[in-house]
Amino acid sequence: MNIQSGPLYAILAYGSWGLLPIYWKFFSAASPIEVLSHRMLWSLVFLSLILTLQRRLSELRKLPRRQVLGLLATALLLSVNWGLYIYGVNTDQIVETSLGYFINPLVSVMLGFVVLRERLYRGQQLAVVLATIGVGYFIWQFGSVPWIALGLAGTFALYGLLRKMVAVSPMVGLAVETALMTPVALLLIFYWQSSGTGSFGSSFSLTLLFIGAGVATSMPLLWFNNAAKRLSLATLGFCQYIAPSLQLMLGVFLYQESFTQTHLISFSCIWTALLVYSSTSLFRARSTA
C-alpha cells in the first residue's frame, strides 16, 4: 500500500466536498428536492457500476435485515442532510452551511458523550463550551437560529453515530442507502416529468449535470476511503476542515455573501474550539500510542 498517496486522496476528497457548492449552483432553476432525487438515483447507478466492476454486488445480498433497517435510518438522515445542503447553497447561504460543517465534529463529540458514554476530556469540554458561545452569540446578535448550520451538523453527526453502529463498508452502505431512497426519488421524478414541471431533459447541459450528480457524490467517497486506509485518524481529522474552509471562502469571495463582524466573532469562537479540540485529540492519540 502506497502510504505517500494518502495526503493526495485526502486533499481530493475534502477539496471536492469543499468545492461542491459550485456544482449545486448550476441547479438554481430546479428545486432542491428534485436535485436531491436525481442525486440519489444517479449515485445508486454509479455505485452499482463500481461494485459490479469490483465484483462486490454479492455483499448487498448478504446484508442481514437488522443492518438494512439500520441503513434505512441513516438513509433518511442522509437525505435530510443532502437536501438541506443543496437548499442552503441555492438560497445563497453557503457561509451558514460551512458553519454547520465546522460545528459538526463538536456535535459528534457531544453525541458520543451522551449516547455512547464516551469520556469527555477537559480540552473537549472547553471546545464544546466555546462552540456553544459562538452559536449563542450568533443567535443573540441576529435574533434568529442558524437552523441550516445546526441542521447540517446535527443530521451528519447522527448519521455518523448510526453508521458507526452498523458494520457495513462505506461504499456498500451508501449503495444500500441510495437504493432504499431511490423508489421515492423515482416516483417524484416520474411525477415531475409527467406533469411537465421537471427540469430533467429541459436542456442537454442540465441533464448531464443531473446524471453527473452521481459521480460528484460518489467519487469523493472513494477518495476518502483510500485516504482513510493510508492516514492516521489524527491526520484525517485535521484534513476534514479543508471542506468547510473552502465553502466559507466560496461563499464570501466568489458568491459575495455577507460576512459581518458578528460572523467573524462567532466563527472565531468555533475556530478556537476546533483548535482546542484537535490539539486535545492529537495529544490523547500520542499519549496512548
Protein backbone atom coordinates (compact mmCIF):
# COMPACT_ATOMS: atom_id res chain seq x y z
CA MET A 1 0.00 0.00 0.00
CA ASN A 2 1.42 3.39 -1.02
CA ILE A 3 1.29 5.50 2.17
CA GLN A 4 2.58 8.61 0.36
CA SER A 5 -0.60 8.83 -1.73
CA GLY A 6 -2.72 9.23 1.42
CA PRO A 7 -2.48 13.05 1.62
CA LEU A 8 -3.33 13.33 -2.08
CA TYR A 9 -6.50 11.25 -1.63
CA ALA A 10 -7.45 13.33 1.44
CA ILE A 11 -6.99 16.60 -0.48
CA LEU A 12 -9.02 15.23 -3.40
CA ALA A 13 -11.85 14.10 -1.09
CA TYR A 14 -12.13 17.13 1.17
CA GLY A 15 -11.24 19.54 -1.63
CA SER A 16 -14.04 18.24 -3.83
CA TRP A 17 -16.52 18.37 -0.93
CA GLY A 18 -15.43 21.96 -0.33
CA LEU A 19 -15.93 22.91 -3.99
CA LEU A 20 -19.28 21.13 -4.44
CA PRO A 21 -21.29 24.38 -3.93
CA ILE A 22 -20.07 25.43 -7.39
CA TYR A 23 -21.68 22.29 -8.83
CA TRP A 24 -25.00 22.68 -6.98
CA LYS A 25 -25.22 26.34 -8.04
CA PHE A 26 -25.82 25.16 -11.63
CA PHE A 27 -29.18 23.78 -10.43
CA SER A 28 -30.59 27.14 -9.33
CA ALA A 29 -33.54 26.66 -11.72
CA ALA A 30 -34.50 23.30 -10.15
CA SER A 31 -35.97 22.72 -6.71
CA PRO A 32 -33.67 21.25 -4.03
CA ILE A 33 -35.96 18.20 -3.75
CA GLU A 34 -35.64 17.49 -7.47
CA VAL A 35 -31.86 17.82 -7.31
CA LEU A 36 -31.80 15.54 -4.25
CA SER A 37 -33.93 12.93 -6.03
CA HIS A 38 -31.59 12.81 -9.01
CA ARG A 39 -28.58 12.77 -6.69
CA MET A 40 -29.96 9.63 -5.04
CA LEU A 41 -30.85 7.94 -8.34
CA TRP A 42 -27.60 8.59 -10.18
CA SER A 43 -25.47 7.87 -7.11
CA LEU A 44 -27.09 4.43 -6.98
CA VAL A 45 -26.38 3.89 -10.68
CA PHE A 46 -22.73 4.92 -10.33
CA LEU A 47 -22.12 2.97 -7.12
CA SER A 48 -23.76 -0.14 -8.58
CA LEU A 49 -21.42 0.12 -11.57
CA ILE A 50 -18.37 0.42 -9.30
CA LEU A 51 -19.47 -2.51 -7.13
CA THR A 52 -20.11 -4.59 -10.27
CA LEU A 53 -16.62 -3.85 -11.59
CA GLN A 54 -15.18 -4.76 -8.19
CA ARG A 55 -17.34 -7.90 -8.06
CA ARG A 56 -18.83 -6.86 -4.73
CA LEU A 57 -22.55 -6.89 -5.53
CA SER A 58 -22.88 -10.10 -3.53
CA GLU A 59 -22.17 -8.05 -0.38
CA LEU A 60 -25.53 -6.32 -0.85
CA ARG A 61 -27.43 -9.60 -0.86
CA LYS A 62 -25.67 -10.87 2.26
CA LEU A 63 -26.72 -7.99 4.50
CA PRO A 64 -28.97 -9.13 7.39
CA ARG A 65 -32.34 -7.46 7.86
CA ARG A 66 -31.22 -5.67 11.03
CA GLN A 67 -28.42 -3.92 9.15
CA VAL A 68 -30.78 -2.95 6.34
CA LEU A 69 -33.17 -1.38 8.88
CA GLY A 70 -30.25 0.49 10.40
CA LEU A 71 -29.27 1.76 6.94
CA LEU A 72 -32.86 2.90 6.37
CA ALA A 73 -32.48 5.21 9.37
CA THR A 74 -29.15 6.53 8.09
CA ALA A 75 -30.63 6.94 4.59
CA LEU A 76 -33.33 9.22 5.99
CA LEU A 77 -30.74 11.31 7.85
CA LEU A 78 -28.54 11.47 4.76
CA SER A 79 -31.49 12.60 2.63
CA VAL A 80 -32.28 15.44 5.03
CA ASN A 81 -28.60 16.42 5.18
CA TRP A 82 -28.11 16.41 1.39
CA GLY A 83 -31.39 18.23 0.76
CA LEU A 84 -30.67 20.86 3.41
CA TYR A 85 -27.20 21.44 1.98
CA ILE A 86 -28.47 21.88 -1.59
CA TYR A 87 -31.15 24.24 -0.28
CA GLY A 88 -28.56 26.27 1.64
CA VAL A 89 -26.28 26.58 -1.38
CA ASN A 90 -29.03 27.59 -3.80
CA THR A 91 -30.55 30.16 -1.43
CA ASP A 92 -27.20 31.97 -1.06
CA GLN A 93 -26.41 30.67 2.43
CA ILE A 94 -23.09 28.92 1.76
CA VAL A 95 -21.45 30.71 4.72
CA GLU A 96 -24.03 29.16 7.04
CA THR A 97 -23.56 25.69 5.51
CA SER A 98 -19.82 25.99 6.19
CA LEU A 99 -20.64 26.91 9.79
CA GLY A 100 -22.58 23.65 10.07
CA TYR A 101 -19.63 21.53 8.99
CA PHE A 102 -17.26 23.41 11.30
CA ILE A 103 -19.61 22.64 14.20
CA ASN A 104 -20.18 19.01 13.17
CA PRO A 105 -17.11 17.43 14.90
CA LEU A 106 -18.10 19.04 18.20
CA VAL A 107 -21.69 17.82 17.89
CA SER A 108 -20.27 14.33 17.26
CA VAL A 109 -18.23 14.63 20.48
CA MET A 110 -21.37 15.54 22.42
CA LEU A 111 -23.33 12.64 20.92
CA GLY A 112 -20.51 10.27 21.83
CA PHE A 113 -20.62 11.57 25.39
CA VAL A 114 -24.43 11.39 25.73
CA VAL A 115 -25.22 8.22 23.76
CA LEU A 116 -22.07 6.11 23.89
CA ARG A 117 -20.94 7.32 27.34
CA GLU A 118 -17.54 8.25 25.90
CA ARG A 119 -15.28 10.25 28.19
CA LEU A 120 -15.18 13.98 27.54
CA TYR A 121 -11.72 15.37 28.35
CA ARG A 122 -11.21 18.89 29.65
CA GLY A 123 -9.99 20.21 26.31
CA GLN A 124 -13.05 18.73 24.60
CA GLN A 125 -15.33 20.20 27.26
CA LEU A 126 -13.77 23.63 26.69
CA ALA A 127 -14.18 23.21 22.92
CA VAL A 128 -17.90 22.44 23.29
CA VAL A 129 -18.37 25.47 25.57
CA LEU A 130 -16.57 27.77 23.11
CA ALA A 131 -18.66 26.50 20.18
CA THR A 132 -21.84 26.99 22.21
CA ILE A 133 -20.78 30.58 22.96
CA GLY A 134 -20.15 31.15 19.24
CA VAL A 135 -23.59 29.88 18.22
CA GLY A 136 -25.24 31.70 21.14
CA TYR A 137 -23.61 34.98 20.12
CA PHE A 138 -24.84 34.46 16.55
CA ILE A 139 -28.43 33.95 17.78
CA TRP A 140 -28.20 36.93 20.16
CA GLN A 141 -26.90 39.34 17.51
CA PHE A 142 -29.06 38.25 14.57
CA GLY A 143 -32.12 37.27 16.58
CA SER A 144 -32.50 34.03 14.63
CA VAL A 145 -31.30 30.46 14.99
CA PRO A 146 -28.83 29.33 12.27
CA TRP A 147 -31.08 26.35 11.56
CA ILE A 148 -29.34 25.32 8.36
CA ALA A 149 -25.97 25.11 10.14
CA LEU A 150 -27.41 23.30 13.16
CA GLY A 151 -29.49 21.02 10.92
CA LEU A 152 -26.46 20.04 8.84
CA ALA A 153 -24.28 19.48 11.92
CA GLY A 154 -26.98 17.53 13.77
CA THR A 155 -28.06 15.26 10.92
CA PHE A 156 -24.50 14.45 9.86
CA ALA A 157 -23.38 13.80 13.44
CA LEU A 158 -26.36 11.48 13.98
CA TYR A 159 -25.61 9.85 10.64
CA GLY A 160 -22.02 9.20 11.69
CA LEU A 161 -23.15 7.79 15.04
CA LEU A 162 -25.64 5.36 13.50
CA ARG A 163 -23.23 4.31 10.73
CA LYS A 164 -20.71 3.51 13.45
CA MET A 165 -23.26 1.06 14.88
CA VAL A 166 -23.96 -0.59 11.50
CA ALA A 167 -20.94 -2.65 10.49
CA VAL A 168 -21.04 -2.09 6.72
CA SER A 169 -18.26 -0.81 4.44
CA PRO A 170 -18.76 2.85 3.37
CA MET A 171 -19.36 2.13 -0.33
CA VAL A 172 -21.75 -0.76 0.23
CA GLY A 173 -23.54 1.21 2.92
CA LEU A 174 -24.02 4.23 0.66
CA ALA A 175 -25.23 1.98 -2.16
CA VAL A 176 -27.88 0.48 0.14
CA GLU A 177 -28.87 3.91 1.48
CA THR A 178 -29.39 5.31 -2.00
CA ALA A 179 -31.19 2.12 -3.07
CA LEU A 180 -33.62 2.49 -0.17
CA MET A 181 -34.43 6.10 -1.09
CA THR A 182 -34.44 5.67 -4.89
CA PRO A 183 -38.04 4.30 -5.16
CA VAL A 184 -39.31 7.54 -3.59
CA ALA A 185 -36.96 9.56 -5.80
CA LEU A 186 -38.21 7.75 -8.92
CA LEU A 187 -41.85 8.39 -8.03
CA LEU A 188 -41.14 12.10 -7.61
CA ILE A 189 -39.10 12.29 -10.83
CA PHE A 190 -41.88 10.48 -12.74
CA TYR A 191 -44.47 12.91 -11.34
CA TRP A 192 -42.42 15.99 -12.28
CA GLN A 193 -41.68 14.70 -15.78
CA SER A 194 -45.27 13.60 -16.48
CA SER A 195 -46.67 16.93 -15.24
CA GLY A 196 -44.16 18.92 -17.27
CA THR A 197 -42.64 20.60 -14.22
CA GLY A 198 -39.41 18.58 -14.14
CA SER A 199 -36.07 20.11 -15.12
CA PHE A 200 -34.56 16.83 -16.34
CA GLY A 201 -34.38 16.92 -20.15
CA SER A 202 -35.10 20.64 -20.34
CA SER A 203 -31.59 21.19 -21.70
CA PHE A 204 -28.69 18.92 -22.64
CA SER A 205 -26.28 20.57 -20.19
CA LEU A 206 -28.69 20.39 -17.24
CA THR A 207 -29.46 16.73 -17.99
CA LEU A 208 -25.73 15.94 -17.96
CA LEU A 209 -25.39 17.77 -14.67
CA PHE A 210 -28.21 15.70 -13.14
CA ILE A 211 -26.53 12.46 -14.26
CA GLY A 212 -23.14 13.75 -13.13
CA ALA A 213 -24.50 14.30 -9.61
CA GLY A 214 -23.94 10.58 -9.00
CA VAL A 215 -20.25 10.91 -9.88
CA ALA A 216 -19.89 14.16 -7.91
CA THR A 217 -21.36 12.42 -4.88
CA SER A 218 -19.56 9.08 -5.10
CA MET A 219 -16.02 9.94 -6.22
CA PRO A 220 -15.14 11.95 -3.07
CA LEU A 221 -16.26 8.95 -1.00
CA LEU A 222 -13.94 6.65 -2.96
CA TRP A 223 -11.06 9.09 -2.45
CA PHE A 224 -11.92 9.36 1.25
CA ASN A 225 -11.87 5.57 1.64
CA ASN A 226 -8.40 5.45 0.07
CA ALA A 227 -7.20 8.27 2.34
CA ALA A 228 -8.62 6.57 5.45
CA LYS A 229 -6.65 3.41 4.66
CA ARG A 230 -3.36 5.30 4.40
CA LEU A 231 -3.58 8.07 7.03
CA SER A 232 -3.93 8.14 10.80
CA LEU A 233 -7.23 9.30 12.27
CA ALA A 234 -5.49 12.37 13.71
CA THR A 235 -4.22 13.44 10.28
CA LEU A 236 -7.58 12.72 8.69
CA GLY A 237 -9.25 14.75 11.44
CA PHE A 238 -7.19 17.83 10.57
CA CYS A 239 -7.91 17.37 6.85
CA GLN A 240 -11.67 17.48 7.42
CA TYR A 241 -11.52 21.25 7.94
CA ILE A 242 -10.45 21.74 4.32
CA ALA A 243 -14.05 21.31 3.12
CA PRO A 244 -15.84 23.94 5.26
CA SER A 245 -12.90 26.33 4.84
CA LEU A 246 -13.26 26.17 1.06
CA GLN A 247 -17.04 26.53 1.36
CA LEU A 248 -16.61 29.64 3.50
CA MET A 249 -14.18 31.19 1.01
CA LEU A 250 -16.51 30.41 -1.89
CA GLY A 251 -19.46 31.98 -0.09
CA VAL A 252 -17.60 35.17 0.82
CA PHE A 253 -15.26 35.75 -2.14
CA LEU A 254 -16.94 34.06 -5.13
CA TYR A 255 -20.64 34.49 -4.34
CA GLN A 256 -20.28 37.73 -2.33
CA GLU A 257 -22.31 36.55 0.66
CA SER A 258 -22.38 38.73 3.76
CA PHE A 259 -19.67 38.13 6.38
CA THR A 260 -20.20 40.62 9.19
CA GLN A 261 -18.41 41.29 12.46
CA THR A 262 -20.94 39.00 14.12
CA HIS A 263 -19.97 36.22 11.72
CA LEU A 264 -16.30 36.86 12.48
CA ILE A 265 -16.77 36.66 16.26
CA SER A 266 -19.00 33.57 16.04
CA PHE A 267 -16.64 31.79 13.64
CA SER A 268 -13.61 32.79 15.75
CA CYS A 269 -15.16 31.12 18.80
CA ILE A 270 -15.79 27.97 16.77
CA TRP A 271 -12.35 28.01 15.12
CA THR A 272 -10.76 28.35 18.58
CA ALA A 273 -12.95 25.49 19.79
CA LEU A 274 -11.78 23.33 16.88
CA LEU A 275 -8.14 24.18 17.58
CA VAL A 276 -8.56 23.18 21.24
CA TYR A 277 -10.47 20.03 20.26
CA SER A 278 -7.90 18.98 17.62
CA SER A 279 -4.97 19.66 19.94
CA THR A 280 -6.60 17.61 22.70
CA SER A 281 -7.32 14.74 20.32
CA LEU A 282 -3.77 14.79 18.96
CA PHE A 283 -2.29 14.84 22.47
CA ARG A 284 -4.50 11.92 23.56
CA ALA A 285 -3.57 9.94 20.43
CA ARG A 286 0.15 10.42 21.07
CA SER A 287 -0.09 9.66 24.79
CA THR A 288 -1.84 6.32 24.12
CA ALA A 289 0.45 5.33 21.23
